[in-house]
Amino acid sequence: MAKILAVDDSVSMRQMVTFTLKSAGHEVVEAADGQEALDKARGGKVDLVVTDVNMPRMDGITLVKELRKLPDYRFTPILVLTTESAGDKKMAGKQAGATGWIVKPFSPEQFLNTINRVLG
């Protein structure tokens, strides 16, 4: 299965994402904000990144932009998982290089279907 970086400043949300992904057989690396995620991404390649938008130190949109600058992450799927549903936020995510946008709360089944689709 895939190695997935789950990024969210909410401990409970990170636990829910991690539980859902692990139950489907994926390996999960967790980060509490964009800066920690960027450091972990540089430390070892992952197959997919799932990130929140609103976080301290570095937000999700900036994280997407920074990851896209790294050769290893130019084509890595990046999903934004957030409570933000405004069109301008989604556009900013797409322009930054996000592969997809999932609005919280999410159904685990729908979430895993999206994960499987972007992983091919």
N, C-alpha and C. Protein backbone atom coordinates (compact mmCIF):
# COMPACT_ATOMS: atom_id res chain seq x y z
N MET A 1 0.84 -1.19 0.00
CA MET A 1 0.00 0.00 0.00
C MET A 1 0.88 1.25 0.00
N ALA A 2 0.26 2.41 0.14
CA ALA A 2 0.97 3.68 0.01
C ALA A 2 1.46 4.22 1.35
N LYS A 3 2.50 5.05 1.25
CA LYS A 3 3.00 5.80 2.40
C LYS A 3 2.42 7.20 2.27
N ILE A 4 1.61 7.61 3.27
CA ILE A 4 0.85 8.86 3.19
C ILE A 4 1.22 9.80 4.33
N LEU A 5 1.45 11.06 3.98
CA LEU A 5 1.73 12.11 4.97
C LEU A 5 0.42 12.81 5.29
N ALA A 6 -0.02 12.73 6.56
CA ALA A 6 -1.26 13.35 7.02
C ALA A 6 -0.91 14.58 7.85
N VAL A 7 -1.40 15.74 7.40
CA VAL A 7 -1.03 17.02 8.02
C VAL A 7 -2.26 17.75 8.53
N ASP A 8 -2.34 17.95 9.84
CA ASP A 8 -3.46 18.68 10.43
C ASP A 8 -3.06 19.10 11.84
N ASP A 9 -3.38 20.34 12.22
CA ASP A 9 -3.03 20.80 13.57
C ASP A 9 -3.99 20.26 14.63
N SER A 10 -5.11 19.70 14.21
CA SER A 10 -6.06 19.09 15.14
C SER A 10 -5.66 17.63 15.39
N VAL A 11 -5.33 17.33 16.65
CA VAL A 11 -4.92 15.97 17.00
C VAL A 11 -6.02 14.97 16.67
N SER A 12 -7.28 15.31 17.02
CA SER A 12 -8.38 14.37 16.78
C SER A 12 -8.60 14.12 15.28
N MET A 13 -8.46 15.16 14.46
CA MET A 13 -8.62 14.98 13.02
C MET A 13 -7.47 14.13 12.46
N ARG A 14 -6.25 14.39 12.93
CA ARG A 14 -5.11 13.59 12.48
C ARG A 14 -5.30 12.13 12.85
N GLN A 15 -5.80 11.89 14.07
CA GLN A 15 -6.05 10.51 14.51
C GLN A 15 -7.11 9.83 13.65
N MET A 16 -8.16 10.56 13.30
CA MET A 16 -9.22 10.00 12.47
C MET A 16 -8.71 9.66 11.07
N VAL A 17 -7.95 10.59 10.48
CA VAL A 17 -7.37 10.37 9.15
C VAL A 17 -6.42 9.16 9.20
N THR A 18 -5.55 9.14 10.21
CA THR A 18 -4.58 8.06 10.35
C THR A 18 -5.28 6.71 10.52
N PHE A 19 -6.29 6.66 11.39
CA PHE A 19 -7.04 5.43 11.62
C PHE A 19 -7.68 4.94 10.32
N THR A 20 -8.31 5.85 9.59
CA THR A 20 -8.98 5.49 8.34
C THR A 20 -7.97 4.94 7.33
N LEU A 21 -6.84 5.61 7.20
CA LEU A 21 -5.82 5.18 6.23
C LEU A 21 -5.17 3.86 6.63
N LYS A 22 -4.85 3.73 7.92
CA LYS A 22 -4.21 2.48 8.39
C LYS A 22 -5.16 1.30 8.26
N SER A 23 -6.46 1.54 8.49
CA SER A 23 -7.44 0.45 8.38
C SER A 23 -7.52 -0.06 6.94
N ALA A 24 -7.12 0.78 5.99
CA ALA A 24 -7.11 0.38 4.58
C ALA A 24 -5.73 -0.15 4.17
N GLY A 25 -4.82 -0.28 5.14
CA GLY A 25 -3.52 -0.88 4.86
C GLY A 25 -2.40 0.08 4.51
N HIS A 26 -2.65 1.38 4.61
CA HIS A 26 -1.62 2.36 4.27
C HIS A 26 -0.69 2.64 5.46
N GLU A 27 0.51 3.07 5.16
CA GLU A 27 1.46 3.53 6.18
C GLU A 27 1.25 5.04 6.29
N VAL A 28 1.22 5.56 7.52
CA VAL A 28 0.94 6.98 7.71
C VAL A 28 2.06 7.67 8.49
N VAL A 29 2.48 8.82 7.99
CA VAL A 29 3.41 9.70 8.68
C VAL A 29 2.59 10.93 9.04
N GLU A 30 2.65 11.37 10.30
CA GLU A 30 1.83 12.50 10.75
C GLU A 30 2.66 13.75 10.95
N ALA A 31 2.04 14.92 10.70
CA ALA A 31 2.66 16.22 10.97
C ALA A 31 1.57 17.16 11.49
N ALA A 32 1.95 18.04 12.43
CA ALA A 32 0.99 18.93 13.08
C ALA A 32 0.81 20.27 12.36
N ASP A 33 1.70 20.57 11.40
CA ASP A 33 1.56 21.82 10.64
C ASP A 33 2.39 21.70 9.36
N GLY A 34 2.26 22.71 8.51
CA GLY A 34 2.94 22.67 7.22
C GLY A 34 4.45 22.60 7.31
N GLN A 35 5.04 23.32 8.27
CA GLN A 35 6.50 23.31 8.39
C GLN A 35 7.01 21.92 8.78
N GLU A 36 6.35 21.29 9.75
CA GLU A 36 6.73 19.93 10.16
C GLU A 36 6.55 18.97 8.99
N ALA A 37 5.48 19.15 8.24
CA ALA A 37 5.21 18.29 7.08
C ALA A 37 6.30 18.43 6.02
N LEU A 38 6.70 19.68 5.76
CA LEU A 38 7.75 19.93 4.76
C LEU A 38 9.06 19.27 5.20
N ASP A 39 9.39 19.39 6.48
CA ASP A 39 10.60 18.76 7.02
C ASP A 39 10.54 17.24 6.85
N LYS A 40 9.40 16.64 7.16
CA LYS A 40 9.25 15.19 7.04
C LYS A 40 9.28 14.76 5.58
N ALA A 41 8.67 15.55 4.70
CA ALA A 41 8.66 15.23 3.26
C ALA A 41 10.09 15.25 2.71
N ARG A 42 10.88 16.21 3.15
CA ARG A 42 12.28 16.28 2.71
C ARG A 42 13.09 15.11 3.25
N GLY A 43 12.68 14.60 4.41
CA GLY A 43 13.40 13.50 5.06
C GLY A 43 13.13 12.13 4.48
N GLY A 44 12.08 11.99 3.71
CA GLY A 44 11.73 10.69 3.14
C GLY A 44 10.51 10.80 2.26
N LYS A 45 10.58 10.24 1.08
CA LYS A 45 9.51 10.36 0.08
C LYS A 45 8.23 9.65 0.54
N VAL A 46 7.10 10.31 0.31
CA VAL A 46 5.80 9.69 0.53
C VAL A 46 5.06 9.62 -0.81
N ASP A 47 4.04 8.78 -0.87
CA ASP A 47 3.28 8.57 -2.12
C ASP A 47 2.13 9.55 -2.28
N LEU A 48 1.70 10.15 -1.15
CA LEU A 48 0.54 11.03 -1.16
C LEU A 48 0.59 11.93 0.06
N VAL A 49 0.14 13.16 -0.09
CA VAL A 49 0.04 14.10 1.04
C VAL A 49 -1.43 14.50 1.19
N VAL A 50 -1.92 14.46 2.44
CA VAL A 50 -3.27 14.92 2.77
C VAL A 50 -3.08 16.04 3.78
N THR A 51 -3.47 17.27 3.44
CA THR A 51 -3.22 18.41 4.32
C THR A 51 -4.44 19.27 4.58
N ASP A 52 -4.49 19.80 5.79
CA ASP A 52 -5.48 20.81 6.17
C ASP A 52 -5.02 22.14 5.57
N VAL A 53 -5.88 23.15 5.60
CA VAL A 53 -5.49 24.48 5.12
C VAL A 53 -5.04 25.37 6.27
N ASN A 54 -5.91 25.55 7.27
CA ASN A 54 -5.64 26.50 8.35
C ASN A 54 -4.83 25.85 9.47
N MET A 55 -3.52 26.18 9.50
CA MET A 55 -2.62 25.62 10.51
C MET A 55 -1.60 26.69 10.90
N PRO A 56 -1.03 26.57 12.12
CA PRO A 56 0.02 27.51 12.52
C PRO A 56 1.32 27.24 11.76
N ARG A 57 2.24 28.16 11.85
CA ARG A 57 3.59 28.11 11.24
C ARG A 57 3.57 28.10 9.72
N MET A 58 2.87 27.17 9.09
CA MET A 58 2.74 27.17 7.63
C MET A 58 1.39 26.56 7.27
N ASP A 59 0.58 27.30 6.52
CA ASP A 59 -0.74 26.80 6.13
C ASP A 59 -0.62 25.78 4.99
N GLY A 60 -1.73 25.12 4.71
CA GLY A 60 -1.74 24.06 3.71
C GLY A 60 -1.46 24.51 2.29
N ILE A 61 -1.95 25.69 1.91
CA ILE A 61 -1.72 26.20 0.55
C ILE A 61 -0.23 26.46 0.34
N THR A 62 0.41 27.08 1.34
CA THR A 62 1.86 27.33 1.27
C THR A 62 2.61 26.01 1.23
N LEU A 63 2.16 25.03 2.02
CA LEU A 63 2.80 23.70 2.00
C LEU A 63 2.75 23.10 0.60
N VAL A 64 1.59 23.19 -0.05
CA VAL A 64 1.45 22.64 -1.41
C VAL A 64 2.47 23.31 -2.34
N LYS A 65 2.55 24.65 -2.27
CA LYS A 65 3.51 25.39 -3.11
C LYS A 65 4.94 24.94 -2.85
N GLU A 66 5.30 24.81 -1.57
CA GLU A 66 6.67 24.42 -1.20
C GLU A 66 6.98 22.99 -1.65
N LEU A 67 6.02 22.08 -1.49
CA LEU A 67 6.23 20.70 -1.93
C LEU A 67 6.43 20.63 -3.44
N ARG A 68 5.65 21.41 -4.19
CA ARG A 68 5.75 21.39 -5.65
C ARG A 68 7.11 21.89 -6.15
N LYS A 69 7.83 22.63 -5.32
CA LYS A 69 9.17 23.10 -5.69
C LYS A 69 10.21 21.99 -5.59
N LEU A 70 9.90 20.95 -4.83
CA LEU A 70 10.84 19.84 -4.62
C LEU A 70 10.71 18.83 -5.76
N PRO A 71 11.84 18.43 -6.38
CA PRO A 71 11.78 17.48 -7.50
C PRO A 71 11.00 16.19 -7.17
N ASP A 72 11.16 15.67 -5.95
CA ASP A 72 10.47 14.43 -5.56
C ASP A 72 8.96 14.59 -5.45
N TYR A 73 8.48 15.83 -5.36
CA TYR A 73 7.05 16.05 -5.13
C TYR A 73 6.35 16.80 -6.26
N ARG A 74 7.03 16.92 -7.39
CA ARG A 74 6.42 17.64 -8.51
C ARG A 74 5.12 16.97 -8.98
N PHE A 75 5.09 15.63 -8.94
CA PHE A 75 3.92 14.91 -9.45
C PHE A 75 3.22 14.07 -8.38
N THR A 76 3.61 14.22 -7.12
CA THR A 76 2.98 13.49 -6.02
C THR A 76 1.57 14.03 -5.78
N PRO A 77 0.58 13.16 -5.66
CA PRO A 77 -0.78 13.65 -5.38
C PRO A 77 -0.83 14.35 -4.02
N ILE A 78 -1.48 15.52 -3.99
CA ILE A 78 -1.67 16.26 -2.74
C ILE A 78 -3.15 16.59 -2.63
N LEU A 79 -3.78 16.06 -1.57
CA LEU A 79 -5.20 16.33 -1.32
C LEU A 79 -5.34 17.31 -0.16
N VAL A 80 -6.20 18.28 -0.33
CA VAL A 80 -6.49 19.24 0.73
C VAL A 80 -7.77 18.78 1.42
N LEU A 81 -7.68 18.56 2.74
CA LEU A 81 -8.81 18.10 3.55
C LEU A 81 -9.10 19.21 4.56
N THR A 82 -10.21 19.93 4.36
CA THR A 82 -10.43 21.15 5.14
C THR A 82 -11.90 21.46 5.33
N THR A 83 -12.20 22.35 6.27
CA THR A 83 -13.57 22.84 6.43
C THR A 83 -13.86 23.94 5.43
N GLU A 84 -12.81 24.46 4.79
CA GLU A 84 -12.95 25.55 3.80
C GLU A 84 -13.64 25.03 2.54
N SER A 85 -14.74 25.68 2.14
CA SER A 85 -15.41 25.25 0.91
C SER A 85 -15.59 26.39 -0.08
N ALA A 86 -15.05 27.56 0.26
CA ALA A 86 -15.19 28.74 -0.62
C ALA A 86 -14.43 28.53 -1.93
N GLY A 87 -15.04 28.99 -3.01
CA GLY A 87 -14.45 28.83 -4.33
C GLY A 87 -13.07 29.44 -4.46
N ASP A 88 -12.84 30.61 -3.82
CA ASP A 88 -11.54 31.26 -3.93
C ASP A 88 -10.44 30.45 -3.24
N LYS A 89 -10.79 29.80 -2.13
CA LYS A 89 -9.81 28.95 -1.44
C LYS A 89 -9.47 27.74 -2.31
N LYS A 90 -10.50 27.12 -2.89
CA LYS A 90 -10.27 25.97 -3.77
C LYS A 90 -9.40 26.36 -4.96
N MET A 91 -9.66 27.53 -5.52
CA MET A 91 -8.87 28.02 -6.66
C MET A 91 -7.42 28.24 -6.23
N ALA A 92 -7.22 28.80 -5.05
CA ALA A 92 -5.86 29.02 -4.54
C ALA A 92 -5.14 27.68 -4.37
N GLY A 93 -5.88 26.68 -3.89
CA GLY A 93 -5.30 25.34 -3.73
C GLY A 93 -4.92 24.73 -5.07
N LYS A 94 -5.79 24.87 -6.04
CA LYS A 94 -5.53 24.33 -7.38
C LYS A 94 -4.33 25.04 -8.03
N GLN A 95 -4.29 26.37 -7.89
CA GLN A 95 -3.18 27.14 -8.45
C GLN A 95 -1.85 26.78 -7.77
N ALA A 96 -1.92 26.43 -6.49
CA ALA A 96 -0.71 26.04 -5.76
C ALA A 96 -0.22 24.66 -6.20
N GLY A 97 -1.14 23.86 -6.78
CA GLY A 97 -0.75 22.53 -7.25
C GLY A 97 -1.45 21.38 -6.57
N ALA A 98 -2.52 21.67 -5.80
CA ALA A 98 -3.26 20.59 -5.14
C ALA A 98 -3.95 19.72 -6.18
N THR A 99 -3.96 18.43 -5.93
CA THR A 99 -4.58 17.46 -6.82
C THR A 99 -6.10 17.43 -6.63
N GLY A 100 -6.54 17.57 -5.36
CA GLY A 100 -7.96 17.51 -5.06
C GLY A 100 -8.30 18.22 -3.77
N TRP A 101 -9.60 18.37 -3.50
CA TRP A 101 -10.10 19.14 -2.36
C TRP A 101 -11.23 18.35 -1.72
N ILE A 102 -11.10 18.03 -0.45
CA ILE A 102 -12.14 17.29 0.28
C ILE A 102 -12.60 18.15 1.44
N VAL A 103 -13.91 18.35 1.57
CA VAL A 103 -14.43 19.19 2.64
C VAL A 103 -14.80 18.33 3.85
N LYS A 104 -14.35 18.77 5.04
CA LYS A 104 -14.70 18.12 6.31
C LYS A 104 -16.12 18.54 6.69
N PRO A 105 -16.88 17.73 7.40
CA PRO A 105 -16.53 16.35 7.75
C PRO A 105 -16.63 15.45 6.52
N PHE A 106 -15.86 14.36 6.55
CA PHE A 106 -15.84 13.46 5.41
C PHE A 106 -16.31 12.07 5.83
N SER A 107 -16.80 11.30 4.88
CA SER A 107 -17.14 9.91 5.18
C SER A 107 -15.89 9.08 4.88
N PRO A 108 -15.50 8.19 5.79
CA PRO A 108 -14.29 7.38 5.57
C PRO A 108 -14.32 6.64 4.23
N GLU A 109 -15.49 6.15 3.84
CA GLU A 109 -15.60 5.40 2.59
C GLU A 109 -15.30 6.32 1.38
N GLN A 110 -15.90 7.50 1.39
CA GLN A 110 -15.69 8.47 0.32
C GLN A 110 -14.22 8.93 0.29
N PHE A 111 -13.65 9.14 1.47
CA PHE A 111 -12.26 9.56 1.61
C PHE A 111 -11.33 8.50 1.00
N LEU A 112 -11.55 7.24 1.35
CA LEU A 112 -10.70 6.16 0.82
C LEU A 112 -10.89 5.99 -0.69
N ASN A 113 -12.10 6.19 -1.19
CA ASN A 113 -12.32 6.12 -2.64
C ASN A 113 -11.49 7.19 -3.35
N THR A 114 -11.47 8.39 -2.78
CA THR A 114 -10.68 9.48 -3.36
C THR A 114 -9.19 9.15 -3.30
N ILE A 115 -8.75 8.64 -2.16
CA ILE A 115 -7.34 8.24 -1.99
C ILE A 115 -6.96 7.22 -3.06
N ASN A 116 -7.77 6.19 -3.21
CA ASN A 116 -7.49 5.14 -4.19
C ASN A 116 -7.47 5.69 -5.62
N ARG A 117 -8.36 6.63 -5.90
CA ARG A 117 -8.43 7.21 -7.24
C ARG A 117 -7.15 7.99 -7.56
N VAL A 118 -6.69 8.83 -6.62
CA VAL A 118 -5.50 9.63 -6.93
C VAL A 118 -4.21 8.81 -6.90
N LEU A 119 -4.22 7.70 -6.19
CA LEU A 119 -3.04 6.83 -6.16
C LEU A 119 -2.99 5.96 -7.42
N GLY A 120 -4.13 5.87 -8.12
CA GLY A 120 -4.17 5.08 -9.35
C GLY A 120 -4.26 3.63 -9.04
